[in-house]
C-alpha cells in the first residue's frame, strides 16, 4: 500500500488539498463493481455513499476530466469493492480499470503512516546513522511511490515501502533507509572480490 499523500493545490477549493485514496484494479462481477487497491487507512469513511472522487486517467480515456460518485462500498471475499453511480455493468467497469481516485481533504487531516509530499521533500536520508542524501521529490506510480533522493551529484530512486524506508520522522527532519546492496553505490566487481567460493588456492 502506498505510504504517501500527494498534494495538489486547488484554487477553487481554498483550504483543500487532494488526497489519493485508491486505485480501481479490476472489474468484479457483472453489475459494475470494481476491486480497489486502497491508499487509505479508513476506507469506510472515505468510500461512504455519495462520496465524489476526481479521476486520474489517461487523456484518451472517456473518463478524462470527470468525477465518479460512490453508490456502495463493501468487502467481498476479503477484497474491498466499490460500486459507482452510472457504472451498472462489467463493460462500464472495465473502462475505469487502473483509474486512480482522489478526494478533497482538509489540510489538518492526518492519515496514519501517510505524509504530504511537502513534508518529505528536504528531509535528510539516513543509513546506519550517516546522512547519505536528501529527499528531492516524490514520484507517484500505480504500483508504489518513489522517493527521489539527491545523493551527491546523483539522484537515487528509492521505493517508498516499509522494508526499505522503515522510519519517517518529520519532526527530526529525517527518513531512515535500509536499502538493498547496490542501491546507493556500485557493487564491487566480483572478479576483484578474491577467490570464488569453493576454489582450491593450494599449489
N, C-alpha and C. Protein backbone atom coordinates (compact mmCIF):
# COMPACT_ATOMS: atom_id res chain seq x y z
N UNK A 1 0.84 -1.19 0.00
CA UNK A 1 0.00 0.00 0.00
C UNK A 1 0.88 1.24 0.00
N UNK A 2 0.44 2.23 -0.73
CA UNK A 2 1.18 3.47 -0.77
C UNK A 2 1.27 4.09 0.62
N UNK A 3 2.40 4.74 0.90
CA UNK A 3 2.57 5.36 2.21
C UNK A 3 2.56 6.88 2.11
N UNK A 4 2.28 7.43 0.93
CA UNK A 4 2.34 8.87 0.81
C UNK A 4 1.00 9.45 0.43
N UNK A 5 0.88 10.73 0.70
CA UNK A 5 -0.28 11.50 0.30
C UNK A 5 0.21 12.59 -0.65
N UNK A 6 -0.29 12.57 -1.87
CA UNK A 6 0.12 13.59 -2.83
C UNK A 6 -0.78 14.80 -2.69
N UNK A 7 -0.21 15.97 -2.82
CA UNK A 7 -0.95 17.21 -2.63
C UNK A 7 -0.93 18.01 -3.91
N UNK A 8 -2.09 18.48 -4.34
CA UNK A 8 -2.20 19.35 -5.50
C UNK A 8 -3.00 20.57 -5.09
N UNK A 9 -2.42 21.74 -5.20
CA UNK A 9 -3.14 22.96 -4.82
C UNK A 9 -4.34 23.16 -5.73
N UNK A 10 -5.46 23.57 -5.14
CA UNK A 10 -6.68 23.77 -5.91
C UNK A 10 -7.27 25.13 -5.52
N UNK A 11 -7.11 26.12 -6.42
CA UNK A 11 -7.59 27.46 -6.11
C UNK A 11 -9.10 27.49 -5.89
N UNK A 12 -9.82 26.59 -6.60
CA UNK A 12 -11.28 26.63 -6.48
C UNK A 12 -11.75 26.08 -5.15
N UNK A 13 -10.90 25.39 -4.43
CA UNK A 13 -11.26 24.84 -3.12
C UNK A 13 -10.27 25.34 -2.09
N UNK A 14 -10.39 26.58 -1.69
CA UNK A 14 -9.43 27.13 -0.76
C UNK A 14 -9.46 26.35 0.55
N UNK A 15 -8.26 26.06 1.07
CA UNK A 15 -8.16 25.28 2.29
C UNK A 15 -8.24 23.78 2.04
N UNK A 16 -8.35 23.37 0.78
CA UNK A 16 -8.46 21.96 0.46
C UNK A 16 -7.23 21.51 -0.33
N UNK A 17 -6.90 20.25 -0.18
CA UNK A 17 -5.89 19.61 -1.00
C UNK A 17 -6.49 18.33 -1.55
N UNK A 18 -5.77 17.67 -2.42
CA UNK A 18 -6.24 16.43 -2.99
C UNK A 18 -5.47 15.27 -2.38
N UNK A 19 -6.21 14.29 -1.91
CA UNK A 19 -5.63 13.10 -1.30
C UNK A 19 -5.92 11.90 -2.18
N UNK A 20 -4.89 11.16 -2.53
CA UNK A 20 -5.06 9.95 -3.32
C UNK A 20 -5.46 8.82 -2.39
N UNK A 21 -6.64 8.21 -2.63
CA UNK A 21 -7.16 7.24 -1.67
C UNK A 21 -7.32 5.83 -2.23
N UNK A 22 -7.20 5.66 -3.54
CA UNK A 22 -7.38 4.30 -4.06
C UNK A 22 -7.15 4.21 -5.55
N UNK A 23 -7.05 2.97 -6.02
CA UNK A 23 -6.92 2.70 -7.45
C UNK A 23 -7.89 1.57 -7.81
N UNK A 24 -8.57 1.70 -8.91
CA UNK A 24 -9.51 0.68 -9.38
C UNK A 24 -8.72 -0.36 -10.17
N UNK A 25 -8.61 -1.58 -9.65
CA UNK A 25 -7.67 -2.54 -10.22
C UNK A 25 -8.30 -3.52 -11.20
N UNK A 26 -9.59 -3.86 -11.02
CA UNK A 26 -10.23 -4.77 -11.98
C UNK A 26 -11.73 -4.78 -11.75
N UNK A 27 -12.45 -5.12 -12.84
CA UNK A 27 -13.90 -5.27 -12.73
C UNK A 27 -14.21 -6.52 -11.91
N UNK A 28 -15.33 -6.45 -11.16
CA UNK A 28 -15.70 -7.57 -10.30
C UNK A 28 -17.18 -7.90 -10.54
N UNK A 29 -17.43 -9.08 -11.06
CA UNK A 29 -18.81 -9.48 -11.31
C UNK A 29 -19.39 -8.78 -12.52
N UNK A 30 -20.73 -8.82 -12.63
CA UNK A 30 -21.42 -8.33 -13.82
C UNK A 30 -22.23 -7.06 -13.57
N UNK A 31 -22.21 -6.54 -12.34
CA UNK A 31 -23.08 -5.41 -12.01
C UNK A 31 -22.32 -4.10 -11.83
N UNK A 32 -21.11 -4.01 -12.39
CA UNK A 32 -20.37 -2.75 -12.38
C UNK A 32 -19.44 -2.55 -11.21
N UNK A 33 -19.29 -3.57 -10.36
CA UNK A 33 -18.39 -3.42 -9.21
C UNK A 33 -16.94 -3.41 -9.66
N UNK A 34 -16.09 -2.76 -8.86
CA UNK A 34 -14.66 -2.69 -9.13
C UNK A 34 -13.88 -2.99 -7.86
N UNK A 35 -12.87 -3.84 -7.99
CA UNK A 35 -11.98 -4.08 -6.85
C UNK A 35 -11.07 -2.88 -6.67
N UNK A 36 -10.75 -2.60 -5.40
CA UNK A 36 -9.97 -1.43 -5.03
C UNK A 36 -8.61 -1.82 -4.48
N UNK A 37 -7.60 -1.07 -4.86
CA UNK A 37 -6.34 -1.04 -4.11
C UNK A 37 -6.40 0.21 -3.25
N UNK A 38 -6.36 0.04 -1.94
CA UNK A 38 -6.59 1.15 -1.02
C UNK A 38 -5.29 1.88 -0.70
N UNK A 39 -5.36 3.21 -0.71
CA UNK A 39 -4.26 4.05 -0.26
C UNK A 39 -4.68 4.84 0.99
N UNK A 40 -5.64 4.32 1.71
CA UNK A 40 -6.15 4.99 2.90
C UNK A 40 -6.32 3.96 4.01
N UNK A 41 -6.16 4.40 5.24
CA UNK A 41 -6.34 3.51 6.38
C UNK A 41 -7.77 3.51 6.90
N UNK A 42 -8.63 4.31 6.30
CA UNK A 42 -10.01 4.41 6.77
C UNK A 42 -10.98 4.38 5.59
N UNK A 43 -11.05 3.25 4.87
CA UNK A 43 -11.88 3.19 3.67
C UNK A 43 -13.36 3.36 3.96
N UNK A 44 -13.82 2.89 5.12
CA UNK A 44 -15.25 3.02 5.43
C UNK A 44 -15.68 4.48 5.49
N UNK A 45 -14.78 5.35 5.92
CA UNK A 45 -15.11 6.78 5.96
C UNK A 45 -14.93 7.43 4.60
N UNK A 46 -13.91 7.01 3.86
CA UNK A 46 -13.64 7.62 2.57
C UNK A 46 -14.68 7.24 1.52
N UNK A 47 -15.13 5.99 1.55
CA UNK A 47 -15.98 5.47 0.48
C UNK A 47 -17.44 5.37 0.92
N UNK A 48 -17.91 6.37 1.63
CA UNK A 48 -19.32 6.40 2.02
C UNK A 48 -20.18 6.73 0.79
N UNK A 49 -21.44 6.25 0.75
CA UNK A 49 -22.32 6.59 -0.37
C UNK A 49 -22.41 8.10 -0.57
N UNK A 50 -22.24 8.53 -1.81
CA UNK A 50 -22.26 9.95 -2.11
C UNK A 50 -20.90 10.60 -2.19
N UNK A 51 -19.86 9.90 -1.73
CA UNK A 51 -18.50 10.46 -1.81
C UNK A 51 -18.11 10.61 -3.28
N UNK A 52 -17.56 11.75 -3.61
CA UNK A 52 -17.20 12.04 -5.00
C UNK A 52 -15.69 12.08 -5.16
N UNK A 53 -15.21 11.45 -6.22
CA UNK A 53 -13.77 11.36 -6.46
C UNK A 53 -13.40 11.97 -7.81
N UNK A 54 -12.28 12.65 -7.82
CA UNK A 54 -11.65 13.07 -9.08
C UNK A 54 -10.86 11.90 -9.62
N UNK A 55 -10.88 11.73 -10.94
CA UNK A 55 -10.21 10.58 -11.57
C UNK A 55 -8.88 11.00 -12.18
N UNK A 56 -7.87 10.18 -11.96
CA UNK A 56 -6.61 10.31 -12.68
C UNK A 56 -6.56 9.19 -13.71
N UNK A 57 -6.77 9.55 -14.97
CA UNK A 57 -6.81 8.59 -16.08
C UNK A 57 -6.08 9.20 -17.26
N UNK A 58 -5.67 8.37 -18.24
CA UNK A 58 -5.04 8.93 -19.44
C UNK A 58 -5.98 9.88 -20.17
N UNK A 59 -5.41 10.82 -20.93
CA UNK A 59 -6.22 11.79 -21.66
C UNK A 59 -7.14 11.11 -22.67
N UNK A 60 -6.74 9.95 -23.16
CA UNK A 60 -7.55 9.24 -24.16
C UNK A 60 -8.75 8.54 -23.54
N UNK A 61 -8.80 8.44 -22.22
CA UNK A 61 -9.90 7.75 -21.54
C UNK A 61 -11.19 8.55 -21.66
N UNK A 62 -12.33 7.87 -21.84
CA UNK A 62 -13.62 8.58 -21.85
C UNK A 62 -13.95 9.23 -20.51
N UNK A 63 -13.21 8.86 -19.45
CA UNK A 63 -13.43 9.41 -18.12
C UNK A 63 -12.53 10.60 -17.82
N UNK A 64 -11.69 10.99 -18.77
CA UNK A 64 -10.75 12.08 -18.51
C UNK A 64 -11.51 13.37 -18.18
N UNK A 65 -11.13 14.01 -17.06
CA UNK A 65 -11.76 15.25 -16.64
C UNK A 65 -13.07 15.08 -15.92
N UNK A 66 -13.47 13.84 -15.65
CA UNK A 66 -14.75 13.57 -15.00
C UNK A 66 -14.54 13.13 -13.55
N UNK A 67 -15.63 13.05 -12.83
CA UNK A 67 -15.62 12.55 -11.46
C UNK A 67 -16.55 11.34 -11.37
N UNK A 68 -16.41 10.58 -10.29
CA UNK A 68 -17.31 9.47 -10.03
C UNK A 68 -17.83 9.59 -8.60
N UNK A 69 -19.01 9.02 -8.37
CA UNK A 69 -19.64 9.08 -7.06
C UNK A 69 -19.93 7.67 -6.55
N UNK A 70 -19.61 7.44 -5.29
CA UNK A 70 -19.79 6.11 -4.69
C UNK A 70 -21.28 5.82 -4.48
N UNK A 71 -21.70 4.65 -4.94
CA UNK A 71 -23.04 4.15 -4.64
C UNK A 71 -23.02 3.22 -3.44
N UNK A 72 -21.97 2.38 -3.38
CA UNK A 72 -21.86 1.43 -2.28
C UNK A 72 -20.42 0.95 -2.17
N UNK A 73 -19.97 0.74 -0.93
CA UNK A 73 -18.66 0.14 -0.66
C UNK A 73 -18.87 -1.08 0.21
N UNK A 74 -18.18 -2.16 -0.13
CA UNK A 74 -18.28 -3.37 0.69
C UNK A 74 -17.00 -4.18 0.55
N UNK A 75 -16.82 -5.13 1.46
CA UNK A 75 -15.71 -6.07 1.38
C UNK A 75 -16.28 -7.42 0.98
N UNK A 76 -15.78 -7.97 -0.13
CA UNK A 76 -16.28 -9.24 -0.66
C UNK A 76 -15.13 -10.22 -0.77
N UNK A 77 -15.25 -11.35 -0.06
CA UNK A 77 -14.19 -12.36 -0.05
C UNK A 77 -12.84 -11.76 0.34
N UNK A 78 -12.89 -10.82 1.28
CA UNK A 78 -11.67 -10.21 1.77
C UNK A 78 -11.13 -9.09 0.91
N UNK A 79 -11.82 -8.75 -0.20
CA UNK A 79 -11.36 -7.71 -1.10
C UNK A 79 -12.27 -6.49 -1.03
N UNK A 80 -11.70 -5.28 -0.93
CA UNK A 80 -12.53 -4.08 -0.97
C UNK A 80 -13.09 -3.88 -2.38
N UNK A 81 -14.39 -3.60 -2.44
CA UNK A 81 -15.09 -3.45 -3.72
C UNK A 81 -15.96 -2.21 -3.64
N UNK A 82 -16.02 -1.46 -4.75
CA UNK A 82 -16.82 -0.25 -4.79
C UNK A 82 -17.78 -0.30 -5.98
N UNK A 83 -19.00 0.18 -5.75
CA UNK A 83 -19.97 0.39 -6.82
C UNK A 83 -20.10 1.89 -7.02
N UNK A 84 -20.12 2.33 -8.27
CA UNK A 84 -20.16 3.75 -8.60
C UNK A 84 -21.43 4.09 -9.36
N UNK A 85 -21.93 5.30 -9.15
CA UNK A 85 -23.10 5.74 -9.90
C UNK A 85 -22.80 5.73 -11.40
N UNK A 86 -23.79 5.34 -12.18
CA UNK A 86 -23.70 5.33 -13.65
C UNK A 86 -22.74 4.28 -14.19
N UNK A 87 -22.29 3.36 -13.34
CA UNK A 87 -21.48 2.22 -13.79
C UNK A 87 -22.27 0.98 -13.38
N UNK A 88 -23.03 0.44 -14.33
CA UNK A 88 -24.02 -0.58 -13.99
C UNK A 88 -23.70 -1.97 -14.51
N UNK A 89 -22.63 -2.10 -15.28
CA UNK A 89 -22.31 -3.42 -15.81
C UNK A 89 -20.80 -3.59 -15.93
N UNK A 90 -20.39 -4.79 -16.25
CA UNK A 90 -18.95 -5.09 -16.31
C UNK A 90 -18.27 -4.28 -17.41
N UNK A 91 -18.95 -4.09 -18.53
CA UNK A 91 -18.35 -3.33 -19.63
C UNK A 91 -18.01 -1.91 -19.19
N UNK A 92 -18.94 -1.29 -18.46
CA UNK A 92 -18.67 0.06 -17.96
C UNK A 92 -17.55 0.07 -16.95
N UNK A 93 -17.50 -0.94 -16.09
CA UNK A 93 -16.45 -1.02 -15.08
C UNK A 93 -15.08 -1.17 -15.72
N UNK A 94 -15.01 -1.92 -16.81
CA UNK A 94 -13.72 -2.14 -17.48
C UNK A 94 -13.11 -0.83 -17.95
N UNK A 95 -13.93 0.16 -18.28
CA UNK A 95 -13.38 1.44 -18.77
C UNK A 95 -12.71 2.24 -17.66
N UNK A 96 -12.91 1.82 -16.40
CA UNK A 96 -12.32 2.54 -15.27
C UNK A 96 -11.14 1.81 -14.65
N UNK A 97 -10.80 0.65 -15.15
CA UNK A 97 -9.68 -0.11 -14.58
C UNK A 97 -8.39 0.70 -14.68
N UNK A 98 -7.66 0.73 -13.59
CA UNK A 98 -6.38 1.43 -13.42
C UNK A 98 -6.55 2.92 -13.11
N UNK A 99 -7.79 3.40 -13.04
CA UNK A 99 -8.01 4.80 -12.65
C UNK A 99 -7.62 5.00 -11.18
N UNK A 100 -7.00 6.13 -10.88
CA UNK A 100 -6.64 6.49 -9.51
C UNK A 100 -7.66 7.50 -9.00
N UNK A 101 -8.09 7.29 -7.75
CA UNK A 101 -9.14 8.10 -7.15
C UNK A 101 -8.55 9.14 -6.19
N UNK A 102 -8.98 10.38 -6.36
CA UNK A 102 -8.54 11.48 -5.50
C UNK A 102 -9.76 12.12 -4.86
N UNK A 103 -9.60 12.65 -3.66
CA UNK A 103 -10.70 13.29 -2.95
C UNK A 103 -10.17 14.53 -2.24
N UNK A 104 -11.05 15.52 -2.07
CA UNK A 104 -10.67 16.71 -1.31
C UNK A 104 -10.44 16.33 0.14
N UNK A 105 -9.40 16.91 0.72
CA UNK A 105 -9.06 16.62 2.11
C UNK A 105 -8.74 17.91 2.84
N UNK A 106 -9.21 18.01 4.08
CA UNK A 106 -8.84 19.15 4.91
C UNK A 106 -7.34 19.10 5.17
N UNK A 107 -6.69 20.26 5.16
CA UNK A 107 -5.24 20.29 5.29
C UNK A 107 -4.77 19.81 6.66
N UNK A 108 -5.63 19.91 7.67
CA UNK A 108 -5.21 19.48 9.00
C UNK A 108 -5.59 18.04 9.30
N UNK A 109 -6.12 17.34 8.29
CA UNK A 109 -6.50 15.94 8.47
C UNK A 109 -5.28 15.06 8.26
N UNK A 110 -5.12 14.05 9.10
CA UNK A 110 -3.92 13.21 9.05
C UNK A 110 -4.31 11.75 8.84
N UNK A 111 -3.61 11.10 7.91
CA UNK A 111 -3.76 9.66 7.73
C UNK A 111 -2.61 8.97 8.44
N UNK A 112 -2.88 7.82 9.06
CA UNK A 112 -1.81 7.07 9.69
C UNK A 112 -0.83 6.58 8.63
N UNK A 113 0.47 6.68 8.95
CA UNK A 113 1.52 6.17 8.07
C UNK A 113 1.42 6.76 6.67
N UNK A 114 1.06 8.04 6.58
CA UNK A 114 0.99 8.72 5.29
C UNK A 114 1.41 10.17 5.49
N UNK A 115 2.05 10.72 4.47
CA UNK A 115 2.59 12.06 4.59
C UNK A 115 2.33 12.84 3.31
N UNK A 116 2.20 14.14 3.46
CA UNK A 116 2.14 15.01 2.29
C UNK A 116 3.53 15.09 1.66
N UNK A 117 3.54 15.32 0.35
CA UNK A 117 4.83 15.42 -0.34
C UNK A 117 5.71 16.50 0.28
N UNK A 118 5.10 17.65 0.60
CA UNK A 118 5.92 18.76 1.10
C UNK A 118 6.53 18.44 2.46
N UNK A 119 5.96 17.46 3.18
CA UNK A 119 6.56 17.05 4.46
C UNK A 119 7.81 16.21 4.24
N UNK A 120 7.90 15.54 3.11
CA UNK A 120 9.01 14.63 2.84
C UNK A 120 10.17 15.31 2.13
N UNK A 121 9.85 16.24 1.23
CA UNK A 121 10.90 16.91 0.45
C UNK A 121 11.80 17.70 1.39
N UNK A 122 13.11 17.50 1.25
CA UNK A 122 14.09 18.19 2.07
C UNK A 122 14.55 17.42 3.29
N UNK A 123 13.90 16.30 3.61
CA UNK A 123 14.33 15.52 4.75
C UNK A 123 15.67 14.85 4.47
N UNK A 124 16.51 14.75 5.51
CA UNK A 124 17.76 14.00 5.39
C UNK A 124 17.44 12.52 5.24
N UNK A 125 18.24 11.85 4.43
CA UNK A 125 18.12 10.40 4.26
C UNK A 125 19.29 9.76 5.01
N UNK A 126 18.97 8.93 5.99
CA UNK A 126 19.97 8.40 6.91
C UNK A 126 20.07 6.89 6.77
N UNK A 127 21.30 6.41 6.62
CA UNK A 127 21.57 4.97 6.61
C UNK A 127 22.68 4.68 7.60
N UNK A 128 22.44 3.76 8.51
CA UNK A 128 23.44 3.41 9.52
C UNK A 128 23.96 4.65 10.25
N UNK A 129 23.03 5.54 10.62
CA UNK A 129 23.34 6.76 11.38
C UNK A 129 24.18 7.77 10.60
N UNK A 130 24.27 7.60 9.28
CA UNK A 130 25.02 8.54 8.44
C UNK A 130 24.08 9.15 7.41
N UNK A 131 24.11 10.49 7.29
CA UNK A 131 23.30 11.16 6.28
C UNK A 131 23.91 10.92 4.91
N UNK A 132 23.14 10.32 4.01
CA UNK A 132 23.67 9.98 2.69
C UNK A 132 23.01 10.78 1.57
N UNK A 133 22.04 11.63 1.91
CA UNK A 133 21.38 12.44 0.89
C UNK A 133 20.17 13.15 1.45
N UNK A 134 19.40 13.77 0.53
CA UNK A 134 18.16 14.44 0.91
C UNK A 134 17.06 14.06 -0.07
N UNK A 135 15.84 14.05 0.42
CA UNK A 135 14.69 13.78 -0.46
C UNK A 135 14.48 15.00 -1.35
N UNK A 136 14.60 14.80 -2.66
CA UNK A 136 14.43 15.90 -3.61
C UNK A 136 12.97 16.06 -4.03
N UNK A 137 12.29 14.94 -4.21
CA UNK A 137 10.88 14.98 -4.61
C UNK A 137 10.29 13.59 -4.44
N UNK A 138 8.99 13.47 -4.66
CA UNK A 138 8.30 12.20 -4.58
C UNK A 138 7.61 11.95 -5.91
N UNK A 139 7.78 10.77 -6.45
CA UNK A 139 7.11 10.38 -7.70
C UNK A 139 6.06 9.33 -7.36
N UNK A 140 4.87 9.47 -7.95
CA UNK A 140 3.76 8.58 -7.66
C UNK A 140 3.46 7.70 -8.85
N UNK A 141 3.41 6.41 -8.63
CA UNK A 141 3.09 5.43 -9.66
C UNK A 141 2.02 4.49 -9.12
N UNK A 142 1.27 3.83 -10.00
CA UNK A 142 0.21 2.94 -9.52
C UNK A 142 0.70 1.84 -8.58
N UNK A 143 1.86 1.28 -8.87
CA UNK A 143 2.34 0.15 -8.06
C UNK A 143 2.86 0.61 -6.70
N UNK A 144 3.61 1.73 -6.70
CA UNK A 144 4.20 2.23 -5.46
C UNK A 144 4.71 3.63 -5.69
N UNK A 145 5.09 4.30 -4.61
CA UNK A 145 5.69 5.62 -4.71
C UNK A 145 7.20 5.50 -4.61
N UNK A 146 7.89 6.49 -5.16
CA UNK A 146 9.35 6.52 -5.11
C UNK A 146 9.80 7.83 -4.47
N UNK A 147 10.77 7.71 -3.55
CA UNK A 147 11.48 8.88 -3.06
C UNK A 147 12.66 9.12 -3.99
N UNK A 148 12.74 10.31 -4.55
CA UNK A 148 13.89 10.67 -5.38
C UNK A 148 14.89 11.35 -4.45
N UNK A 149 16.00 10.67 -4.19
CA UNK A 149 16.98 11.12 -3.21
C UNK A 149 18.18 11.70 -3.94
N UNK A 150 18.53 12.93 -3.60
CA UNK A 150 19.73 13.55 -4.13
C UNK A 150 20.90 13.14 -3.25
N UNK A 151 21.79 12.31 -3.80
CA UNK A 151 22.96 11.82 -3.09
C UNK A 151 24.20 12.30 -3.85
N UNK A 152 24.79 13.39 -3.38
CA UNK A 152 25.90 13.99 -4.13
C UNK A 152 25.38 14.56 -5.43
N UNK A 153 25.96 14.13 -6.55
CA UNK A 153 25.53 14.60 -7.86
C UNK A 153 24.50 13.67 -8.48
N UNK A 154 24.21 12.57 -7.82
CA UNK A 154 23.30 11.57 -8.38
C UNK A 154 21.92 11.67 -7.76
N UNK A 155 20.91 11.18 -8.52
CA UNK A 155 19.57 11.01 -8.00
C UNK A 155 19.28 9.52 -7.92
N UNK A 156 18.88 9.07 -6.75
CA UNK A 156 18.62 7.66 -6.50
C UNK A 156 17.12 7.47 -6.29
N UNK A 157 16.54 6.50 -6.98
CA UNK A 157 15.13 6.20 -6.87
C UNK A 157 14.93 5.15 -5.79
N UNK A 158 14.29 5.52 -4.70
CA UNK A 158 14.13 4.64 -3.55
C UNK A 158 12.65 4.26 -3.41
N UNK A 159 12.29 2.98 -3.56
CA UNK A 159 10.90 2.58 -3.35
C UNK A 159 10.44 2.95 -1.95
N UNK A 160 9.32 3.66 -1.88
CA UNK A 160 8.83 4.13 -0.58
C UNK A 160 7.94 3.06 0.04
N UNK A 161 8.60 1.99 0.47
CA UNK A 161 7.93 0.87 1.14
C UNK A 161 8.61 0.66 2.48
N UNK A 162 7.87 0.07 3.41
CA UNK A 162 8.36 -0.02 4.79
C UNK A 162 9.63 -0.84 4.90
N UNK A 163 9.81 -1.83 4.02
CA UNK A 163 11.01 -2.67 4.08
C UNK A 163 12.28 -1.87 3.78
N UNK A 164 12.15 -0.79 2.99
CA UNK A 164 13.32 -0.01 2.60
C UNK A 164 13.36 1.33 3.34
N UNK A 165 12.19 1.89 3.64
CA UNK A 165 12.11 3.14 4.39
C UNK A 165 11.27 2.86 5.64
N UNK A 166 11.89 2.25 6.66
CA UNK A 166 11.11 1.84 7.83
C UNK A 166 10.67 2.99 8.73
N UNK A 167 11.38 4.13 8.68
CA UNK A 167 11.09 5.21 9.62
C UNK A 167 11.05 6.55 8.89
N UNK A 168 9.96 7.27 9.11
CA UNK A 168 9.85 8.67 8.68
C UNK A 168 9.63 9.51 9.92
N UNK A 169 10.58 10.40 10.19
CA UNK A 169 10.50 11.25 11.37
C UNK A 169 10.54 12.70 10.91
N UNK A 170 9.34 13.23 10.60
CA UNK A 170 9.27 14.59 10.08
C UNK A 170 9.78 15.58 11.11
N UNK A 171 9.44 15.37 12.38
CA UNK A 171 9.87 16.29 13.43
C UNK A 171 11.38 16.38 13.53
N UNK A 172 12.05 15.25 13.34
CA UNK A 172 13.52 15.22 13.40
C UNK A 172 14.16 15.57 12.07
N UNK A 173 13.34 15.70 11.02
CA UNK A 173 13.87 16.09 9.71
C UNK A 173 14.62 15.00 8.99
N UNK A 174 14.17 13.74 9.16
CA UNK A 174 14.92 12.66 8.52
C UNK A 174 14.03 11.46 8.20
N UNK A 175 14.49 10.69 7.24
CA UNK A 175 13.94 9.37 6.99
C UNK A 175 15.10 8.38 7.13
N UNK A 176 14.82 7.24 7.68
CA UNK A 176 15.83 6.20 7.82
C UNK A 176 15.60 5.15 6.75
N UNK A 177 16.66 4.78 6.05
CA UNK A 177 16.55 3.80 4.97
C UNK A 177 17.41 2.58 5.28
N UNK A 178 16.93 1.45 4.80
CA UNK A 178 17.69 0.19 4.87
C UNK A 178 17.71 -0.40 3.47
N UNK A 179 18.44 0.24 2.56
CA UNK A 179 18.38 -0.14 1.14
C UNK A 179 19.11 -1.45 0.88
N UNK A 180 18.71 -2.15 -0.18
CA UNK A 180 19.46 -3.34 -0.58
C UNK A 180 20.82 -2.94 -1.13
N UNK A 181 21.79 -3.85 -1.11
CA UNK A 181 23.11 -3.54 -1.64
C UNK A 181 23.03 -3.08 -3.10
N UNK A 182 23.78 -2.03 -3.40
CA UNK A 182 23.84 -1.54 -4.77
C UNK A 182 22.88 -0.41 -5.08
N UNK A 183 21.97 -0.09 -4.16
CA UNK A 183 21.01 0.98 -4.47
C UNK A 183 21.68 2.34 -4.44
N UNK A 184 22.57 2.57 -3.46
CA UNK A 184 23.24 3.87 -3.34
C UNK A 184 24.69 3.85 -3.80
N UNK A 185 25.21 2.68 -4.11
CA UNK A 185 26.59 2.61 -4.57
C UNK A 185 26.75 1.41 -5.47
N UNK A 186 27.77 1.46 -6.32
CA UNK A 186 28.03 0.34 -7.20
C UNK A 186 28.64 -0.80 -6.40
N UNK A 187 28.18 -2.00 -6.71
CA UNK A 187 28.76 -3.16 -6.05
C UNK A 187 30.13 -3.45 -6.63
N UNK A 188 31.07 -3.96 -5.81
CA UNK A 188 32.40 -4.28 -6.35
C UNK A 188 32.31 -5.36 -7.40
N UNK A 189 33.21 -5.28 -8.36
CA UNK A 189 33.29 -6.31 -9.41
C UNK A 189 33.65 -7.64 -8.76
N UNK A 190 32.90 -8.66 -9.07
CA UNK A 190 33.15 -9.96 -8.44
C UNK A 190 34.52 -10.50 -8.80
N UNK A 191 35.08 -10.03 -9.91
CA UNK A 191 36.40 -10.52 -10.31
C UNK A 191 37.48 -10.01 -9.36
N UNK A 192 37.18 -8.89 -8.65
CA UNK A 192 38.18 -8.33 -7.73
C UNK A 192 37.87 -8.68 -6.28
N UNK A 193 36.90 -9.54 -6.08
CA UNK A 193 36.46 -9.81 -4.73
C UNK A 193 37.16 -11.00 -4.10
N UNK A 194 38.30 -11.44 -4.69
CA UNK A 194 39.02 -12.57 -4.12
C UNK A 194 38.68 -13.87 -4.80
N UNK A 195 39.18 -14.96 -4.26
CA UNK A 195 38.94 -16.27 -4.86
C UNK A 195 37.46 -16.63 -4.75
N UNK A 196 36.86 -17.18 -5.81
CA UNK A 196 35.47 -17.61 -5.72
C UNK A 196 35.31 -18.69 -4.68
N UNK A 197 34.12 -18.69 -4.10
CA UNK A 197 33.83 -19.66 -3.04
C UNK A 197 34.01 -21.09 -3.56
N UNK A 198 34.71 -21.88 -2.76
CA UNK A 198 34.89 -23.28 -3.14
C UNK A 198 36.11 -23.53 -4.00
N UNK A 199 36.90 -22.45 -4.34
CA UNK A 199 38.07 -22.66 -5.19
C UNK A 199 39.21 -23.25 -4.37
N UNK A 200 40.12 -23.92 -5.02
CA UNK A 200 41.27 -24.53 -4.39
C UNK A 200 42.46 -23.63 -4.57
N UNK A 201 42.90 -22.96 -3.48
CA UNK A 201 44.00 -21.99 -3.59
C UNK A 201 45.35 -22.63 -3.39
N UNK A 202 45.42 -23.94 -3.12
CA UNK A 202 46.70 -24.59 -2.88
C UNK A 202 47.46 -24.80 -4.17
N UNK A 203 48.80 -24.81 -4.08
CA UNK A 203 49.67 -25.08 -5.23
C UNK A 203 49.76 -26.55 -5.51
